[in-house]
Amino acid sequence: MGTADKIIRILIAVVIAVLYFMEVISGTVAIVLGVLAVIFVLTSLVSFCPLYLPFGIKTCKTED
């Protein structure tokens, strides 16, 4: 996982958290987005996204 991908995932998680704490989102939507935010943060921390594997997506720079 590339640096830009990690930053984007963290920013999305922060936006979701802000929307939740400002009570813009609530209920089921808040739960679903909260779980998604946690997944984004965890995948950013471990630098691996399981969904990239079957699709062959690589966002990190490779050395030739």
Protein backbone atom coordinates (compact mmCIF):
# COMPACT_ATOMS: atom_id res chain seq x y z
CA MET A 1 0.00 0.00 0.00
CA GLY A 2 1.41 3.36 -1.03
CA THR A 3 1.76 6.45 1.10
CA ALA A 4 -0.95 8.36 -0.77
CA ASP A 5 -3.36 5.45 -0.27
CA LYS A 6 -2.64 5.41 3.47
CA ILE A 7 -3.15 9.16 3.79
CA ILE A 8 -6.45 9.07 1.89
CA ARG A 9 -7.74 6.23 4.07
CA ILE A 10 -6.80 8.04 7.28
CA LEU A 11 -8.42 11.27 6.06
CA ILE A 12 -11.64 9.45 5.20
CA ALA A 13 -11.66 7.86 8.67
CA VAL A 14 -11.13 11.27 10.30
CA VAL A 15 -13.98 12.80 8.27
CA ILE A 16 -16.29 9.98 9.32
CA ALA A 17 -15.30 10.48 12.98
CA VAL A 18 -15.91 14.23 12.77
CA LEU A 19 -19.32 13.69 11.16
CA TYR A 20 -20.22 11.24 13.92
CA PHE A 21 -19.12 13.47 16.79
CA MET A 22 -20.88 16.49 15.26
CA GLU A 23 -24.00 14.29 15.11
CA VAL A 24 -24.35 14.70 11.35
CA ILE A 25 -24.58 10.93 10.96
CA SER A 26 -26.31 8.60 13.38
CA GLY A 27 -28.00 5.24 13.65
CA THR A 28 -27.23 2.47 11.20
CA VAL A 29 -25.34 4.77 8.85
CA ALA A 30 -23.03 5.80 11.68
CA ILE A 31 -22.37 2.18 12.61
CA VAL A 32 -21.61 1.12 9.03
CA LEU A 33 -19.37 4.14 8.39
CA GLY A 34 -17.69 3.66 11.77
CA VAL A 35 -16.81 0.07 10.94
CA LEU A 36 -15.52 1.22 7.55
CA ALA A 37 -13.40 3.91 9.24
CA VAL A 38 -11.88 1.36 11.62
CA ILE A 39 -11.07 -0.94 8.69
CA PHE A 40 -9.46 1.98 6.83
CA VAL A 41 -7.28 2.83 9.83
CA LEU A 42 -6.27 -0.80 10.44
CA THR A 43 -5.39 -1.44 6.80
CA SER A 44 -3.37 1.77 6.77
CA LEU A 45 -1.44 0.74 9.86
CA VAL A 46 -0.56 -2.71 8.52
CA SER A 47 -0.02 -1.43 4.95
CA PHE A 48 -2.12 -4.21 3.46
CA CYS A 49 -5.61 -4.30 1.99
CA PRO A 50 -7.06 -7.79 1.45
CA LEU A 51 -9.29 -6.54 -1.38
CA TYR A 52 -6.25 -5.51 -3.43
CA LEU A 53 -5.00 -9.10 -3.63
CA PRO A 54 -7.68 -10.69 -5.88
CA PHE A 55 -7.74 -7.63 -8.15
CA GLY A 56 -3.96 -7.36 -8.42
CA ILE A 57 -3.94 -3.72 -7.32
CA LYS A 58 -0.67 -2.27 -6.06
CA THR A 59 -0.46 1.34 -4.89
CA CYS A 60 3.13 1.28 -3.69
CA LYS A 61 6.10 2.21 -5.80
CA THR A 62 8.04 -0.75 -7.13
CA GLU A 63 11.73 -0.75 -7.89
CA ASP A 64 12.66 -1.91 -11.37
